[in-house]
Amino acid sequence: KLKQEGEYKSMFLANMGHELRTPLIGILGVTDLIQDTQLSKEQI
């Protein structure tokens, strides 16, 4: 039972990690695009 629970925990962490990475990579991509535009020093 402990081994099975450990496998469930690992699967959960892997799924959550991938679910978090997807929007985060989107945020970083948009930030990179914004940096390629005309920005003030404060915005940069």
PDB file of all heavy atoms in Angstrom:
ATOM      1  N   LYS A   1       0.838  -1.203   0.000  1.00  0.00           N
ATOM      2  CA  LYS A   1       0.000   0.000   0.000  1.00  0.00           C
ATOM      3  C   LYS A   1       0.873   1.254   0.000  1.00  0.00           C
ATOM      4  O   LYS A   1       0.589   2.219  -0.717  1.00  0.00           O
ATOM      5  CB  LYS A   1      -0.908  -0.007   1.230  1.00  0.00           C
ATOM      6  CG  LYS A   1      -1.845   1.169   1.317  1.00  0.00           C
ATOM      7  CD  LYS A   1      -2.705   1.091   2.567  1.00  0.00           C
ATOM      8  CE  LYS A   1      -3.535   2.345   2.730  1.00  0.00           C
ATOM      9  NZ  LYS A   1      -4.276   2.377   3.970  1.00  0.00           N
ATOM     10  N   LEU A   2       1.959   1.262   0.796  1.00  0.00           N
ATOM     11  CA  LEU A   2       2.867   2.405   0.833  1.00  0.00           C
ATOM     12  C   LEU A   2       3.534   2.629  -0.526  1.00  0.00           C
ATOM     13  O   LEU A   2       3.673   3.768  -0.976  1.00  0.00           O
ATOM     14  CB  LEU A   2       3.935   2.218   1.907  1.00  0.00           C
ATOM     15  CG  LEU A   2       3.492   2.391   3.351  1.00  0.00           C
ATOM     16  CD1 LEU A   2       4.652   2.097   4.289  1.00  0.00           C
ATOM     17  CD2 LEU A   2       2.957   3.784   3.598  1.00  0.00           C
ATOM     18  N   LYS A   3       3.937   1.542  -1.179  1.00  0.00           N
ATOM     19  CA  LYS A   3       4.549   1.662  -2.499  1.00  0.00           C
ATOM     20  C   LYS A   3       3.556   2.264  -3.488  1.00  0.00           C
ATOM     21  O   LYS A   3       3.913   3.136  -4.283  1.00  0.00           O
ATOM     22  CB  LYS A   3       5.026   0.300  -2.995  1.00  0.00           C
ATOM     23  CG  LYS A   3       6.286  -0.191  -2.339  1.00  0.00           C
ATOM     24  CD  LYS A   3       6.695  -1.542  -2.892  1.00  0.00           C
ATOM     25  CE  LYS A   3       7.933  -2.076  -2.203  1.00  0.00           C
ATOM     26  NZ  LYS A   3       8.310  -3.409  -2.701  1.00  0.00           N
ATOM     27  N   GLN A   4       2.314   1.810  -3.418  1.00  0.00           N
ATOM     28  CA  GLN A   4       1.280   2.313  -4.325  1.00  0.00           C
ATOM     29  C   GLN A   4       1.012   3.798  -4.062  1.00  0.00           C
ATOM     30  O   GLN A   4       0.896   4.585  -4.993  1.00  0.00           O
ATOM     31  CB  GLN A   4      -0.005   1.498  -4.149  1.00  0.00           C
ATOM     32  CG  GLN A   4      -1.062   1.801  -5.168  1.00  0.00           C
ATOM     33  CD  GLN A   4      -2.266   0.896  -5.012  1.00  0.00           C
ATOM     34  OE1 GLN A   4      -2.559   0.418  -3.914  1.00  0.00           O
ATOM     35  NE2 GLN A   4      -2.970   0.667  -6.093  1.00  0.00           N
ATOM     36  N   GLU A   5       0.956   4.189  -2.782  1.00  0.00           N
ATOM     37  CA  GLU A   5       0.749   5.594  -2.449  1.00  0.00           C
ATOM     38  C   GLU A   5       1.921   6.446  -2.922  1.00  0.00           C
ATOM     39  O   GLU A   5       1.734   7.574  -3.380  1.00  0.00           O
ATOM     40  CB  GLU A   5       0.540   5.765  -0.945  1.00  0.00           C
ATOM     41  CG  GLU A   5      -0.801   5.261  -0.471  1.00  0.00           C
ATOM     42  CD  GLU A   5      -0.967   5.331   1.043  1.00  0.00           C
ATOM     43  OE1 GLU A   5      -0.045   5.807   1.733  1.00  0.00           O
ATOM     44  OE2 GLU A   5      -2.025   4.902   1.530  1.00  0.00           O
ATOM     45  N   GLY A   6       3.125   5.923  -2.828  1.00  0.00           N
ATOM     46  CA  GLY A   6       4.300   6.636  -3.329  1.00  0.00           C
ATOM     47  C   GLY A   6       4.227   6.841  -4.834  1.00  0.00           C
ATOM     48  O   GLY A   6       4.581   7.902  -5.345  1.00  0.00           O
ATOM     49  N   GLU A   7       3.736   5.819  -5.543  1.00  0.00           N
ATOM     50  CA  GLU A   7       3.573   5.946  -6.993  1.00  0.00           C
ATOM     51  C   GLU A   7       2.520   7.000  -7.314  1.00  0.00           C
ATOM     52  O   GLU A   7       2.700   7.802  -8.232  1.00  0.00           O
ATOM     53  CB  GLU A   7       3.186   4.605  -7.603  1.00  0.00           C
ATOM     54  CG  GLU A   7       4.319   3.590  -7.600  1.00  0.00           C
ATOM     55  CD  GLU A   7       3.869   2.211  -8.034  1.00  0.00           C
ATOM     56  OE1 GLU A   7       2.722   2.058  -8.516  1.00  0.00           O
ATOM     57  OE2 GLU A   7       4.666   1.271  -7.897  1.00  0.00           O
ATOM     58  N   TYR A   8       1.415   7.019  -6.562  1.00  0.00           N
ATOM     59  CA  TYR A   8       0.369   8.022  -6.778  1.00  0.00           C
ATOM     60  C   TYR A   8       0.917   9.424  -6.535  1.00  0.00           C
ATOM     61  O   TYR A   8       0.629  10.354  -7.290  1.00  0.00           O
ATOM     62  CB  TYR A   8      -0.828   7.777  -5.865  1.00  0.00           C
ATOM     63  CG  TYR A   8      -1.670   6.582  -6.226  1.00  0.00           C
ATOM     64  CD1 TYR A   8      -2.325   5.859  -5.241  1.00  0.00           C
ATOM     65  CD2 TYR A   8      -1.822   6.161  -7.540  1.00  0.00           C
ATOM     66  CE1 TYR A   8      -3.115   4.756  -5.565  1.00  0.00           C
ATOM     67  CE2 TYR A   8      -2.591   5.063  -7.870  1.00  0.00           C
ATOM     68  CZ  TYR A   8      -3.232   4.365  -6.877  1.00  0.00           C
ATOM     69  OH  TYR A   8      -4.003   3.296  -7.188  1.00  0.00           O
ATOM     70  N   LYS A   9       1.720   9.567  -5.482  1.00  0.00           N
ATOM     71  CA  LYS A   9       2.304  10.876  -5.165  1.00  0.00           C
ATOM     72  C   LYS A   9       3.223  11.326  -6.289  1.00  0.00           C
ATOM     73  O   LYS A   9       3.172  12.475  -6.725  1.00  0.00           O
ATOM     74  CB  LYS A   9       3.074  10.812  -3.845  1.00  0.00           C
ATOM     75  CG  LYS A   9       3.709  12.150  -3.457  1.00  0.00           C
ATOM     76  CD  LYS A   9       4.545  12.028  -2.219  1.00  0.00           C
ATOM     77  CE  LYS A   9       5.817  11.340  -2.580  1.00  0.00           C
ATOM     78  NZ  LYS A   9       6.832  11.258  -1.599  1.00  0.00           N
ATOM     79  N   SER A  10       4.042  10.423  -6.787  1.00  0.00           N
ATOM     80  CA  SER A  10       4.952  10.768  -7.874  1.00  0.00           C
ATOM     81  C   SER A  10       4.182  11.158  -9.129  1.00  0.00           C
ATOM     82  O   SER A  10       4.544  12.123  -9.813  1.00  0.00           O
ATOM     83  CB  SER A  10       5.880   9.599  -8.181  1.00  0.00           C
ATOM     84  OG  SER A  10       6.702   9.334  -7.079  1.00  0.00           O
ATOM     85  N   MET A  11       3.119  10.412  -9.448  1.00  0.00           N
ATOM     86  CA  MET A  11       2.298  10.745 -10.616  1.00  0.00           C
ATOM     87  C   MET A  11       1.649  12.111 -10.438  1.00  0.00           C
ATOM     88  O   MET A  11       1.611  12.925 -11.368  1.00  0.00           O
ATOM     89  CB  MET A  11       1.229   9.667 -10.841  1.00  0.00           C
ATOM     90  CG  MET A  11       1.776   8.377 -11.403  1.00  0.00           C
ATOM     91  SD  MET A  11       0.608   6.979 -11.547  1.00  0.00           S
ATOM     92  CE  MET A  11      -0.979   7.701 -11.632  1.00  0.00           C
ATOM     93  N   PHE A  12       1.151  12.386  -9.235  1.00  0.00           N
ATOM     94  CA  PHE A  12       0.522  13.678  -8.961  1.00  0.00           C
ATOM     95  C   PHE A  12       1.524  14.808  -9.136  1.00  0.00           C
ATOM     96  O   PHE A  12       1.232  15.820  -9.786  1.00  0.00           O
ATOM     97  CB  PHE A  12      -0.062  13.696  -7.543  1.00  0.00           C
ATOM     98  CG  PHE A  12      -0.545  15.053  -7.113  1.00  0.00           C
ATOM     99  CD1 PHE A  12      -1.754  15.543  -7.567  1.00  0.00           C
ATOM    100  CD2 PHE A  12       0.226  15.842  -6.273  1.00  0.00           C
ATOM    101  CE1 PHE A  12      -2.206  16.798  -7.184  1.00  0.00           C
ATOM    102  CE2 PHE A  12      -0.204  17.098  -5.882  1.00  0.00           C
ATOM    103  CZ  PHE A  12      -1.427  17.577  -6.340  1.00  0.00           C
ATOM    104  N   LEU A  13       2.708  14.657  -8.553  1.00  0.00           N
ATOM    105  CA  LEU A  13       3.726  15.703  -8.656  1.00  0.00           C
ATOM    106  C   LEU A  13       4.146  15.925 -10.105  1.00  0.00           C
ATOM    107  O   LEU A  13       4.322  17.069 -10.538  1.00  0.00           O
ATOM    108  CB  LEU A  13       4.938  15.366  -7.792  1.00  0.00           C
ATOM    109  CG  LEU A  13       4.725  15.468  -6.291  1.00  0.00           C
ATOM    110  CD1 LEU A  13       5.958  14.972  -5.547  1.00  0.00           C
ATOM    111  CD2 LEU A  13       4.388  16.878  -5.878  1.00  0.00           C
ATOM    112  N   ALA A  14       4.298  14.854 -10.856  1.00  0.00           N
ATOM    113  CA  ALA A  14       4.685  15.002 -12.261  1.00  0.00           C
ATOM    114  C   ALA A  14       3.592  15.733 -13.038  1.00  0.00           C
ATOM    115  O   ALA A  14       3.875  16.659 -13.806  1.00  0.00           O
ATOM    116  CB  ALA A  14       4.963  13.635 -12.882  1.00  0.00           C
ATOM    117  N   ASN A  15       2.322  15.350 -12.827  1.00  0.00           N
ATOM    118  CA  ASN A  15       1.220  16.017 -13.523  1.00  0.00           C
ATOM    119  C   ASN A  15       1.116  17.481 -13.123  1.00  0.00           C
ATOM    120  O   ASN A  15       0.931  18.350 -13.970  1.00  0.00           O
ATOM    121  CB  ASN A  15      -0.106  15.304 -13.252  1.00  0.00           C
ATOM    122  CG  ASN A  15      -0.200  13.985 -13.983  1.00  0.00           C
ATOM    123  OD1 ASN A  15       0.449  13.778 -14.996  1.00  0.00           O
ATOM    124  ND2 ASN A  15      -0.997  13.078 -13.456  1.00  0.00           N
ATOM    125  N   MET A  16       1.234  17.760 -11.826  1.00  0.00           N
ATOM    126  CA  MET A  16       1.138  19.147 -11.357  1.00  0.00           C
ATOM    127  C   MET A  16       2.305  19.972 -11.900  1.00  0.00           C
ATOM    128  O   MET A  16       2.126  21.129 -12.287  1.00  0.00           O
ATOM    129  CB  MET A  16       1.131  19.213  -9.829  1.00  0.00           C
ATOM    130  CG  MET A  16      -0.192  18.836  -9.219  1.00  0.00           C
ATOM    131  SD  MET A  16      -1.577  19.783  -9.877  1.00  0.00           S
ATOM    132  CE  MET A  16      -1.126  21.433  -9.451  1.00  0.00           C
ATOM    133  N   GLY A  17       3.481  19.379 -11.938  1.00  0.00           N
ATOM    134  CA  GLY A  17       4.639  20.093 -12.469  1.00  0.00           C
ATOM    135  C   GLY A  17       4.417  20.490 -13.919  1.00  0.00           C
ATOM    136  O   GLY A  17       4.671  21.629 -14.314  1.00  0.00           O
ATOM    137  N   HIS A  18       3.891  19.548 -14.708  1.00  0.00           N
ATOM    138  CA  HIS A  18       3.631  19.853 -16.113  1.00  0.00           C
ATOM    139  C   HIS A  18       2.502  20.870 -16.262  1.00  0.00           C
ATOM    140  O   HIS A  18       2.561  21.748 -17.122  1.00  0.00           O
ATOM    141  CB  HIS A  18       3.324  18.576 -16.888  1.00  0.00           C
ATOM    142  CG  HIS A  18       4.523  17.700 -17.055  1.00  0.00           C
ATOM    143  ND1 HIS A  18       5.620  18.059 -17.807  1.00  0.00           N
ATOM    144  CD2 HIS A  18       4.811  16.480 -16.539  1.00  0.00           C
ATOM    145  CE1 HIS A  18       6.526  17.107 -17.753  1.00  0.00           C
ATOM    146  NE2 HIS A  18       6.069  16.142 -16.987  1.00  0.00           N
ATOM    147  N   GLU A  19       1.496  20.774 -15.416  1.00  0.00           N
ATOM    148  CA  GLU A  19       0.394  21.735 -15.464  1.00  0.00           C
ATOM    149  C   GLU A  19       0.862  23.135 -15.096  1.00  0.00           C
ATOM    150  O   GLU A  19       0.370  24.122 -15.627  1.00  0.00           O
ATOM    151  CB  GLU A  19      -0.742  21.312 -14.520  1.00  0.00           C
ATOM    152  CG  GLU A  19      -1.466  20.050 -14.953  1.00  0.00           C
ATOM    153  CD  GLU A  19      -2.197  20.204 -16.280  1.00  0.00           C
ATOM    154  OE1 GLU A  19      -2.746  21.286 -16.542  1.00  0.00           O
ATOM    155  OE2 GLU A  19      -2.194  19.237 -17.061  1.00  0.00           O
ATOM    156  N   LEU A  20       1.810  23.250 -14.189  1.00  0.00           N
ATOM    157  CA  LEU A  20       2.349  24.555 -13.802  1.00  0.00           C
ATOM    158  C   LEU A  20       3.319  25.108 -14.846  1.00  0.00           C
ATOM    159  O   LEU A  20       3.371  26.314 -15.082  1.00  0.00           O
ATOM    160  CB  LEU A  20       3.066  24.459 -12.446  1.00  0.00           C
ATOM    161  CG  LEU A  20       2.173  24.211 -11.233  1.00  0.00           C
ATOM    162  CD1 LEU A  20       3.020  23.918 -10.012  1.00  0.00           C
ATOM    163  CD2 LEU A  20       1.264  25.392 -10.981  1.00  0.00           C
ATOM    164  N   ARG A  21       4.080  24.231 -15.457  1.00  0.00           N
ATOM    165  CA  ARG A  21       5.062  24.670 -16.453  1.00  0.00           C
ATOM    166  C   ARG A  21       4.404  25.312 -17.666  1.00  0.00           C
ATOM    167  O   ARG A  21       4.913  26.299 -18.204  1.00  0.00           O
ATOM    168  CB  ARG A  21       5.920  23.491 -16.925  1.00  0.00           C
ATOM    169  CG  ARG A  21       7.015  23.104 -15.987  1.00  0.00           C
ATOM    170  CD  ARG A  21       7.780  21.892 -16.519  1.00  0.00           C
ATOM    171  NE  ARG A  21       8.469  22.168 -17.755  1.00  0.00           N
ATOM    172  CZ  ARG A  21       9.690  22.694 -17.849  1.00  0.00           C
ATOM    173  NH1 ARG A  21      10.344  23.009 -16.771  1.00  0.00           N
ATOM    174  NH2 ARG A  21      10.258  22.901 -19.006  1.00  0.00           N
ATOM    175  N   THR A  22       3.286  24.777 -18.110  1.00  0.00           N
ATOM    176  CA  THR A  22       2.645  25.262 -19.339  1.00  0.00           C
ATOM    177  C   THR A  22       2.288  26.747 -19.257  1.00  0.00           C
ATOM    178  O   THR A  22       2.734  27.526 -20.110  1.00  0.00           O
ATOM    179  CB  THR A  22       1.416  24.401 -19.675  1.00  0.00           C
ATOM    180  OG1 THR A  22       1.845  23.042 -19.808  1.00  0.00           O
ATOM    181  CG2 THR A  22       0.754  24.850 -20.955  1.00  0.00           C
ATOM    182  N   PRO A  23       1.509  27.199 -18.254  1.00  0.00           N
ATOM    183  CA  PRO A  23       1.215  28.644 -18.219  1.00  0.00           C
ATOM    184  C   PRO A  23       2.449  29.483 -17.898  1.00  0.00           C
ATOM    185  O   PRO A  23       2.571  30.618 -18.374  1.00  0.00           O
ATOM    186  CB  PRO A  23       0.154  28.771 -17.123  1.00  0.00           C
ATOM    187  CG  PRO A  23       0.237  27.528 -16.319  1.00  0.00           C
ATOM    188  CD  PRO A  23       0.793  26.473 -17.210  1.00  0.00           C
ATOM    189  N   LEU A  24       3.371  28.925 -17.136  1.00  0.00           N
ATOM    190  CA  LEU A  24       4.573  29.669 -16.787  1.00  0.00           C
ATOM    191  C   LEU A  24       5.425  29.938 -18.025  1.00  0.00           C
ATOM    192  O   LEU A  24       5.953  31.043 -18.208  1.00  0.00           O
ATOM    193  CB  LEU A  24       5.375  28.900 -15.729  1.00  0.00           C
ATOM    194  CG  LEU A  24       6.583  29.591 -15.150  1.00  0.00           C
ATOM    195  CD1 LEU A  24       6.217  30.954 -14.577  1.00  0.00           C
ATOM    196  CD2 LEU A  24       7.181  28.725 -14.054  1.00  0.00           C
ATOM    197  N   ILE A  25       5.543  28.965 -18.894  1.00  0.00           N
ATOM    198  CA  ILE A  25       6.296  29.164 -20.128  1.00  0.00           C
ATOM    199  C   ILE A  25       5.583  30.200 -21.002  1.00  0.00           C
ATOM    200  O   ILE A  25       6.226  31.023 -21.659  1.00  0.00           O
ATOM    201  CB  ILE A  25       6.507  27.817 -20.858  1.00  0.00           C
ATOM    202  CG1 ILE A  25       7.528  26.990 -20.069  1.00  0.00           C
ATOM    203  CG2 ILE A  25       6.965  28.018 -22.289  1.00  0.00           C
ATOM    204  CD1 ILE A  25       7.723  25.582 -20.549  1.00  0.00           C
ATOM    205  N   GLY A  26       4.245  30.196 -20.970  1.00  0.00           N
ATOM    206  CA  GLY A  26       3.492  31.226 -21.689  1.00  0.00           C
ATOM    207  C   GLY A  26       3.794  32.618 -21.144  1.00  0.00           C
ATOM    208  O   GLY A  26       3.990  33.570 -21.916  1.00  0.00           O
ATOM    209  N   ILE A  27       3.836  32.760 -19.840  1.00  0.00           N
ATOM    210  CA  ILE A  27       4.147  34.056 -19.214  1.00  0.00           C
ATOM    211  C   ILE A  27       5.548  34.510 -19.610  1.00  0.00           C
ATOM    212  O   ILE A  27       5.763  35.675 -19.973  1.00  0.00           O
ATOM    213  CB  ILE A  27       4.025  33.961 -17.673  1.00  0.00           C
ATOM    214  CG1 ILE A  27       2.561  33.783 -17.272  1.00  0.00           C
ATOM    215  CG2 ILE A  27       4.636  35.183 -16.994  1.00  0.00           C
ATOM    216  CD1 ILE A  27       2.360  33.400 -15.818  1.00  0.00           C
ATOM    217  N   LEU A  28       6.514  33.592 -19.564  1.00  0.00           N
ATOM    218  CA  LEU A  28       7.884  33.953 -19.943  1.00  0.00           C
ATOM    219  C   LEU A  28       7.967  34.334 -21.429  1.00  0.00           C
ATOM    220  O   LEU A  28       8.692  35.260 -21.795  1.00  0.00           O
ATOM    221  CB  LEU A  28       8.844  32.812 -19.622  1.00  0.00           C
ATOM    222  CG  LEU A  28       9.094  32.567 -18.132  1.00  0.00           C
ATOM    223  CD1 LEU A  28       9.898  31.295 -17.927  1.00  0.00           C
ATOM    224  CD2 LEU A  28       9.787  33.751 -17.502  1.00  0.00           C
ATOM    225  N   GLY A  29       7.213  33.633 -22.262  1.00  0.00           N
ATOM    226  CA  GLY A  29       7.212  33.953 -23.691  1.00  0.00           C
ATOM    227  C   GLY A  29       6.643  35.334 -23.965  1.00  0.00           C
ATOM    228  O   GLY A  29       7.204  36.117 -24.750  1.00  0.00           O
ATOM    229  N   VAL A  30       5.520  35.662 -23.313  1.00  0.00           N
ATOM    230  CA  VAL A  30       4.911  36.978 -23.496  1.00  0.00           C
ATOM    231  C   VAL A  30       5.836  38.060 -22.936  1.00  0.00           C
ATOM    232  O   VAL A  30       5.992  39.127 -23.539  1.00  0.00           O
ATOM    233  CB  VAL A  30       3.515  37.028 -22.839  1.00  0.00           C
ATOM    234  CG1 VAL A  30       2.968  38.439 -22.822  1.00  0.00           C
ATOM    235  CG2 VAL A  30       2.561  36.097 -23.578  1.00  0.00           C
ATOM    236  N   THR A  31       6.469  37.795 -21.817  1.00  0.00           N
ATOM    237  CA  THR A  31       7.422  38.756 -21.243  1.00  0.00           C
ATOM    238  C   THR A  31       8.556  39.020 -22.223  1.00  0.00           C
ATOM    239  O   THR A  31       8.970  40.169 -22.417  1.00  0.00           O
ATOM    240  CB  THR A  31       7.989  38.228 -19.909  1.00  0.00           C
ATOM    241  OG1 THR A  31       6.911  37.962 -19.022  1.00  0.00           O
ATOM    242  CG2 THR A  31       8.928  39.218 -19.269  1.00  0.00           C
ATOM    243  N   ASP A  32       9.039  37.979 -22.868  1.00  0.00           N
ATOM    244  CA  ASP A  32      10.099  38.132 -23.855  1.00  0.00           C
ATOM    245  C   ASP A  32       9.615  38.982 -25.031  1.00  0.00           C
ATOM    246  O   ASP A  32      10.341  39.852 -25.525  1.00  0.00           O
ATOM    247  CB  ASP A  32      10.555  36.748 -24.329  1.00  0.00           C
ATOM    248  CG  ASP A  32      11.840  36.792 -25.116  1.00  0.00           C
ATOM    249  OD1 ASP A  32      12.729  37.560 -24.736  1.00  0.00           O
ATOM    250  OD2 ASP A  32      11.939  36.056 -26.123  1.00  0.00           O
ATOM    251  N   LEU A  33       8.377  38.749 -25.475  1.00  0.00           N
ATOM    252  CA  LEU A  33       7.817  39.545 -26.570  1.00  0.00           C
ATOM    253  C   LEU A  33       7.665  41.012 -26.165  1.00  0.00           C
ATOM    254  O   LEU A  33       7.940  41.921 -26.954  1.00  0.00           O
ATOM    255  CB  LEU A  33       6.459  38.977 -27.005  1.00  0.00           C
ATOM    256  CG  LEU A  33       6.488  37.613 -27.696  1.00  0.00           C
ATOM    257  CD1 LEU A  33       5.066  37.110 -27.913  1.00  0.00           C
ATOM    258  CD2 LEU A  33       7.250  37.692 -29.013  1.00  0.00           C
ATOM    259  N   ILE A  34       7.224  41.249 -24.943  1.00  0.00           N
ATOM    260  CA  ILE A  34       7.067  42.626 -24.452  1.00  0.00           C
ATOM    261  C   ILE A  34       8.420  43.335 -24.422  1.00  0.00           C
ATOM    262  O   ILE A  34       8.528  44.504 -24.760  1.00  0.00           O
ATOM    263  CB  ILE A  34       6.404  42.634 -23.054  1.00  0.00           C
ATOM    264  CG1 ILE A  34       4.950  42.205 -23.159  1.00  0.00           C
ATOM    265  CG2 ILE A  34       6.515  44.008 -22.409  1.00  0.00           C
ATOM    266  CD1 ILE A  34       4.268  41.988 -21.811  1.00  0.00           C
ATOM    267  N   GLN A  35       9.457  42.610 -24.036  1.00  0.00           N
ATOM    268  CA  GLN A  35      10.790  43.215 -23.961  1.00  0.00           C
ATOM    269  C   GLN A  35      11.308  43.630 -25.333  1.00  0.00           C
ATOM    270  O   GLN A  35      12.189  44.470 -25.432  1.00  0.00           O
ATOM    271  CB  GLN A  35      11.775  42.258 -23.284  1.00  0.00           C
ATOM    272  CG  GLN A  35      11.539  42.118 -21.800  1.00  0.00           C
ATOM    273  CD  GLN A  35      12.443  41.078 -21.156  1.00  0.00           C
ATOM    274  OE1 GLN A  35      12.973  40.200 -21.826  1.00  0.00           O
ATOM    275  NE2 GLN A  35      12.603  41.181 -19.849  1.00  0.00           N
ATOM    276  N   ASP A  36      10.763  43.042 -26.395  1.00  0.00           N
ATOM    277  CA  ASP A  36      11.177  43.408 -27.752  1.00  0.00           C
ATOM    278  C   ASP A  36      10.457  44.661 -28.262  1.00  0.00           C
ATOM    279  O   ASP A  36      10.712  45.103 -29.375  1.00  0.00           O
ATOM    280  CB  ASP A  36      10.926  42.241 -28.718  1.00  0.00           C
ATOM    281  CG  ASP A  36      11.869  41.074 -28.466  1.00  0.00           C
ATOM    282  OD1 ASP A  36      12.936  41.296 -27.847  1.00  0.00           O
ATOM    283  OD2 ASP A  36      11.540  39.952 -28.882  1.00  0.00           O
ATOM    284  N   THR A  37       9.555  45.224 -27.463  1.00  0.00           N
ATOM    285  CA  THR A  37       8.837  46.435 -27.870  1.00  0.00           C
ATOM    286  C   THR A  37       9.493  47.656 -27.249  1.00  0.00           C
ATOM    287  O   THR A  37      10.424  47.546 -26.450  1.00  0.00           O
ATOM    288  CB  THR A  37       7.353  46.352 -27.439  1.00  0.00           C
ATOM    289  OG1 THR A  37       7.285  46.307 -26.010  1.00  0.00           O
ATOM    290  CG2 THR A  37       6.663  45.134 -28.033  1.00  0.00           C
ATOM    291  N   GLN A  38       8.975  48.812 -27.600  1.00  0.00           N
ATOM    292  CA  GLN A  38       9.488  50.079 -27.075  1.00  0.00           C
ATOM    293  C   GLN A  38       9.020  50.241 -25.632  1.00  0.00           C
ATOM    294  O   GLN A  38       7.831  50.391 -25.386  1.00  0.00           O
ATOM    295  CB  GLN A  38       8.961  51.228 -27.946  1.00  0.00           C
ATOM    296  CG  GLN A  38       9.702  52.524 -27.792  1.00  0.00           C
ATOM    297  CD  GLN A  38      11.114  52.451 -28.386  1.00  0.00           C
ATOM    298  OE1 GLN A  38      11.418  51.623 -29.219  1.00  0.00           O
ATOM    299  NE2 GLN A  38      11.975  53.328 -27.922  1.00  0.00           N
ATOM    300  N   LEU A  39       9.928  50.219 -24.686  1.00  0.00           N
ATOM    301  CA  LEU A  39       9.588  50.314 -23.265  1.00  0.00           C
ATOM    302  C   LEU A  39      10.404  51.417 -22.596  1.00  0.00           C
ATOM    303  O   LEU A  39      11.527  51.714 -23.009  1.00  0.00           O
ATOM    304  CB  LEU A  39       9.884  48.987 -22.550  1.00  0.00           C
ATOM    305  CG  LEU A  39       9.146  47.742 -23.016  1.00  0.00           C
ATOM    306  CD1 LEU A  39       9.699  46.527 -22.300  1.00  0.00           C
ATOM    307  CD2 LEU A  39       7.654  47.861 -22.762  1.00  0.00           C
ATOM    308  N   SER A  40       9.829  51.971 -21.549  1.00  0.00           N
ATOM    309  CA  SER A  40      10.576  52.936 -20.737  1.00  0.00           C
ATOM    310  C   SER A  40      11.570  52.174 -19.861  1.00  0.00           C
ATOM    311  O   SER A  40      11.496  50.948 -19.735  1.00  0.00           O
ATOM    312  CB  SER A  40       9.620  53.745 -19.861  1.00  0.00           C
ATOM    313  OG  SER A  40       9.062  52.901 -18.861  1.00  0.00           O
ATOM    314  N   LYS A  41      12.489  52.887 -19.231  1.00  0.00           N
ATOM    315  CA  LYS A  41      13.484  52.241 -18.363  1.00  0.00           C
ATOM    316  C   LYS A  41      12.802  51.502 -17.215  1.00  0.00           C
ATOM    317  O   LYS A  41      13.201  50.400 -16.846  1.00  0.00           O
ATOM    318  CB  LYS A  41      14.468  53.277 -17.814  1.00  0.00           C
ATOM    319  CG  LYS A  41      15.426  53.786 -18.845  1.00  0.00           C
ATOM    320  CD  LYS A  41      16.408  54.770 -18.244  1.00  0.00           C
ATOM    321  CE  LYS A  41      17.360  55.279 -19.323  1.00  0.00           C
ATOM    322  NZ  LYS A  41      18.353  56.203 -18.792  1.00  0.00           N
ATOM    323  N   GLU A  42      11.757  52.107 -16.653  1.00  0.00           N
ATOM    324  CA  GLU A  42      11.020  51.473 -15.543  1.00  0.00           C
ATOM    325  C   GLU A  42      10.331  50.193 -16.016  1.00  0.00           C
ATOM    326  O   GLU A  42      10.353  49.177 -15.330  1.00  0.00           O
ATOM    327  CB  GLU A  42      10.003  52.464 -14.960  1.00  0.00           C
ATOM    328  CG  GLU A  42       9.252  51.925 -13.762  1.00  0.00           C
ATOM    329  CD  GLU A  42      10.127  51.682 -12.538  1.00  0.00           C
ATOM    330  OE1 GLU A  42      11.242  52.255 -12.441  1.00  0.00           O
ATOM    331  OE2 GLU A  42       9.707  50.908 -11.665  1.00  0.00           O
ATOM    332  N   GLN A  43       9.742  50.239 -17.219  1.00  0.00           N
ATOM    333  CA  GLN A  43       9.077  49.053 -17.761  1.00  0.00           C
ATOM    334  C   GLN A  43      10.090  47.947 -18.062  1.00  0.00           C
ATOM    335  O   GLN A  43       9.813  46.769 -17.831  1.00  0.00           O
ATOM    336  CB  GLN A  43       8.288  49.424 -19.018  1.00  0.00           C
ATOM    337  CG  GLN A  43       7.057  50.256 -18.742  1.00  0.00           C
ATOM    338  CD  GLN A  43       6.435  50.787 -20.022  1.00  0.00           C
ATOM    339  OE1 GLN A  43       7.116  51.094 -20.994  1.00  0.00           O
ATOM    340  NE2 GLN A  43       5.105  50.890 -19.995  1.00  0.00           N
ATOM    341  N   ILE A  44      11.251  48.330 -18.569  1.00  0.00           N
ATOM    342  CA  ILE A  44      12.304  47.335 -18.827  1.00  0.00           C
ATOM    343  C   ILE A  44      12.719  46.667 -17.515  1.00  0.00           C
ATOM    344  O   ILE A  44      12.851  45.443 -17.432  1.00  0.00           O
ATOM    345  CB  ILE A  44      13.525  47.992 -19.518  1.00  0.00           C
ATOM    346  CG1 ILE A  44      13.165  48.409 -20.943  1.00  0.00           C
ATOM    347  CG2 ILE A  44      14.729  47.065 -19.509  1.00  0.00           C
ATOM    348  CD1 ILE A  44      14.224  49.255 -21.628  1.00  0.00           C
TER     349      ILE A  44
END
